[in-house]
Amino acid sequence: DRLVQLLWGLGPRWVVCGDFNRAAEAWVPPGWLVVPTPPVATYPASVPTEAIDYGLVEGMAAEAEVLDSDASDHLPVLIVTSRP
């Protein structure tokens, strides 16, 4: 809830990415851009079953790709943004 409050107070363009420990549909307000879309499982990296690593984007177009890597227990997410 605190993160949602902070994000509402940001300016017109922002990106927040990370391991949110739960699916976006469980807490992200409707209308916010979540990438990758549709959600892609990223945890655990060895056999992903949970889509808990993603980005929230406001004021920009964005695309995301989950990369294959064994560098962590989560798969990395590459997010590319562009101004509208």
C-alpha atoms as a PDB file:
ATOM      1  CA  ASP A   1       0.000   0.000   0.000  1.00  0.00           C
ATOM      2  CA  ARG A   2       2.853   2.361   0.815  1.00  0.00           C
ATOM      3  CA  LEU A   3       4.494   1.831  -2.581  1.00  0.00           C
ATOM      4  CA  VAL A   4       1.217   2.599  -4.363  1.00  0.00           C
ATOM      5  CA  GLN A   5       0.911   5.839  -2.374  1.00  0.00           C
ATOM      6  CA  LEU A   6       4.478   6.829  -3.279  1.00  0.00           C
ATOM      7  CA  LEU A   7       3.967   6.080  -6.964  1.00  0.00           C
ATOM      8  CA  TRP A   8       0.770   8.162  -7.110  1.00  0.00           C
ATOM      9  CA  GLY A   9       2.874  11.118  -5.933  1.00  0.00           C
ATOM     10  CA  LEU A  10       5.552  10.845  -8.617  1.00  0.00           C
ATOM     11  CA  GLY A  11       5.766  13.037 -11.689  1.00  0.00           C
ATOM     12  CA  PRO A  12       4.463  12.236 -15.156  1.00  0.00           C
ATOM     13  CA  ARG A  13       7.156   9.684 -16.108  1.00  0.00           C
ATOM     14  CA  TRP A  14       8.581   6.890 -13.993  1.00  0.00           C
ATOM     15  CA  VAL A  15       9.683   3.247 -14.013  1.00  0.00           C
ATOM     16  CA  VAL A  16       9.866   0.989 -10.966  1.00  0.00           C
ATOM     17  CA  CYS A  17      11.208  -2.539 -11.408  1.00  0.00           C
ATOM     18  CA  GLY A  18      11.964  -5.392  -9.112  1.00  0.00           C
ATOM     19  CA  ASP A  19      11.058  -8.522  -7.230  1.00  0.00           C
ATOM     20  CA  PHE A  20       7.684  -7.603  -5.741  1.00  0.00           C
ATOM     21  CA  ASN A  21       7.125 -11.015  -4.091  1.00  0.00           C
ATOM     22  CA  ARG A  22       3.589 -11.243  -5.452  1.00  0.00           C
ATOM     23  CA  ALA A  23       1.800 -11.050  -8.760  1.00  0.00           C
ATOM     24  CA  ALA A  24       0.920  -7.600 -10.106  1.00  0.00           C
ATOM     25  CA  GLU A  25      -2.793  -8.398 -10.250  1.00  0.00           C
ATOM     26  CA  ALA A  26      -2.724  -8.835  -6.455  1.00  0.00           C
ATOM     27  CA  TRP A  27      -1.842  -5.196  -5.736  1.00  0.00           C
ATOM     28  CA  VAL A  28      -1.265  -2.941  -8.769  1.00  0.00           C
ATOM     29  CA  PRO A  29      -4.154  -0.509  -9.430  1.00  0.00           C
ATOM     30  CA  PRO A  30      -6.084  -1.042 -12.676  1.00  0.00           C
ATOM     31  CA  GLY A  31      -4.792   0.999 -15.594  1.00  0.00           C
ATOM     32  CA  TRP A  32      -1.120   1.000 -14.604  1.00  0.00           C
ATOM     33  CA  LEU A  33       1.235  -0.447 -17.213  1.00  0.00           C
ATOM     34  CA  VAL A  34       2.860  -3.661 -15.993  1.00  0.00           C
ATOM     35  CA  VAL A  35       5.536  -5.315 -18.142  1.00  0.00           C
ATOM     36  CA  PRO A  36       6.013  -7.968 -19.302  1.00  0.00           C
ATOM     37  CA  THR A  37       2.456  -8.281 -20.517  1.00  0.00           C
ATOM     38  CA  PRO A  38       1.102 -10.889 -20.252  1.00  0.00           C
ATOM     39  CA  PRO A  39       2.904 -11.862 -17.034  1.00  0.00           C
ATOM     40  CA  VAL A  40       5.827 -14.262 -17.368  1.00  0.00           C
ATOM     41  CA  ALA A  41       6.966 -16.593 -14.586  1.00  0.00           C
ATOM     42  CA  THR A  42      10.407 -15.605 -13.280  1.00  0.00           C
ATOM     43  CA  TYR A  43      10.752 -17.511 -10.000  1.00  0.00           C
ATOM     44  CA  PRO A  44      12.344 -19.860  -9.217  1.00  0.00           C
ATOM     45  CA  ALA A  45      14.814 -19.512 -12.081  1.00  0.00           C
ATOM     46  CA  SER A  46      15.338 -23.267 -12.374  1.00  0.00           C
ATOM     47  CA  VAL A  47      11.645 -24.005 -13.071  1.00  0.00           C
ATOM     48  CA  PRO A  48       9.702 -20.694 -13.026  1.00  0.00           C
ATOM     49  CA  THR A  49       6.147 -20.852 -11.683  1.00  0.00           C
ATOM     50  CA  GLU A  50       5.587 -17.346 -10.238  1.00  0.00           C
ATOM     51  CA  ALA A  51       5.426 -14.012 -12.117  1.00  0.00           C
ATOM     52  CA  ILE A  52       6.786 -11.809  -9.322  1.00  0.00           C
ATOM     53  CA  ASP A  53       9.532  -9.874 -11.155  1.00  0.00           C
ATOM     54  CA  TYR A  54       8.235  -7.098 -13.410  1.00  0.00           C
ATOM     55  CA  GLY A  55       8.184  -3.373 -14.082  1.00  0.00           C
ATOM     56  CA  LEU A  56       5.601  -0.656 -13.515  1.00  0.00           C
ATOM     57  CA  VAL A  57       5.724   2.142 -16.067  1.00  0.00           C
ATOM     58  CA  GLU A  58       3.945   5.496 -16.212  1.00  0.00           C
ATOM     59  CA  GLY A  59       4.040   8.062 -19.014  1.00  0.00           C
ATOM     60  CA  MET A  60       6.015   5.958 -21.480  1.00  0.00           C
ATOM     61  CA  ALA A  61       5.605   3.012 -23.776  1.00  0.00           C
ATOM     62  CA  ALA A  62       7.475  -0.077 -22.617  1.00  0.00           C
ATOM     63  CA  GLU A  63       8.281  -3.608 -23.619  1.00  0.00           C
ATOM     64  CA  ALA A  64       9.851  -6.323 -21.486  1.00  0.00           C
ATOM     65  CA  GLU A  65      11.532  -9.642 -22.013  1.00  0.00           C
ATOM     66  CA  VAL A  66      12.427 -12.294 -19.461  1.00  0.00           C
ATOM     67  CA  LEU A  67      15.989 -13.466 -20.049  1.00  0.00           C
ATOM     68  CA  ASP A  68      17.415 -16.931 -19.487  1.00  0.00           C
ATOM     69  CA  SER A  69      20.144 -16.821 -16.838  1.00  0.00           C
ATOM     70  CA  ASP A  70      21.345 -18.868 -13.885  1.00  0.00           C
ATOM     71  CA  ALA A  71      22.965 -15.868 -12.155  1.00  0.00           C
ATOM     72  CA  SER A  72      20.191 -15.637  -9.539  1.00  0.00           C
ATOM     73  CA  ASP A  73      17.283 -17.577  -8.114  1.00  0.00           C
ATOM     74  CA  HIS A  74      15.067 -15.232 -10.205  1.00  0.00           C
ATOM     75  CA  LEU A  75      15.150 -14.772 -13.975  1.00  0.00           C
ATOM     76  CA  PRO A  76      16.141 -11.235 -15.044  1.00  0.00           C
ATOM     77  CA  VAL A  77      13.687  -8.942 -16.817  1.00  0.00           C
ATOM     78  CA  LEU A  78      14.909  -6.555 -19.505  1.00  0.00           C
ATOM     79  CA  ILE A  79      12.657  -3.490 -19.827  1.00  0.00           C
ATOM     80  CA  VAL A  80      12.952  -1.010 -22.699  1.00  0.00           C
ATOM     81  CA  THR A  81      11.019   2.258 -22.514  1.00  0.00           C
ATOM     82  CA  SER A  82      10.339   4.995 -25.028  1.00  0.00           C
ATOM     83  CA  ARG A  83       8.617   8.312 -24.795  1.00  0.00           C
ATOM     84  CA  PRO A  84       5.222   8.509 -26.461  1.00  0.00           C
END
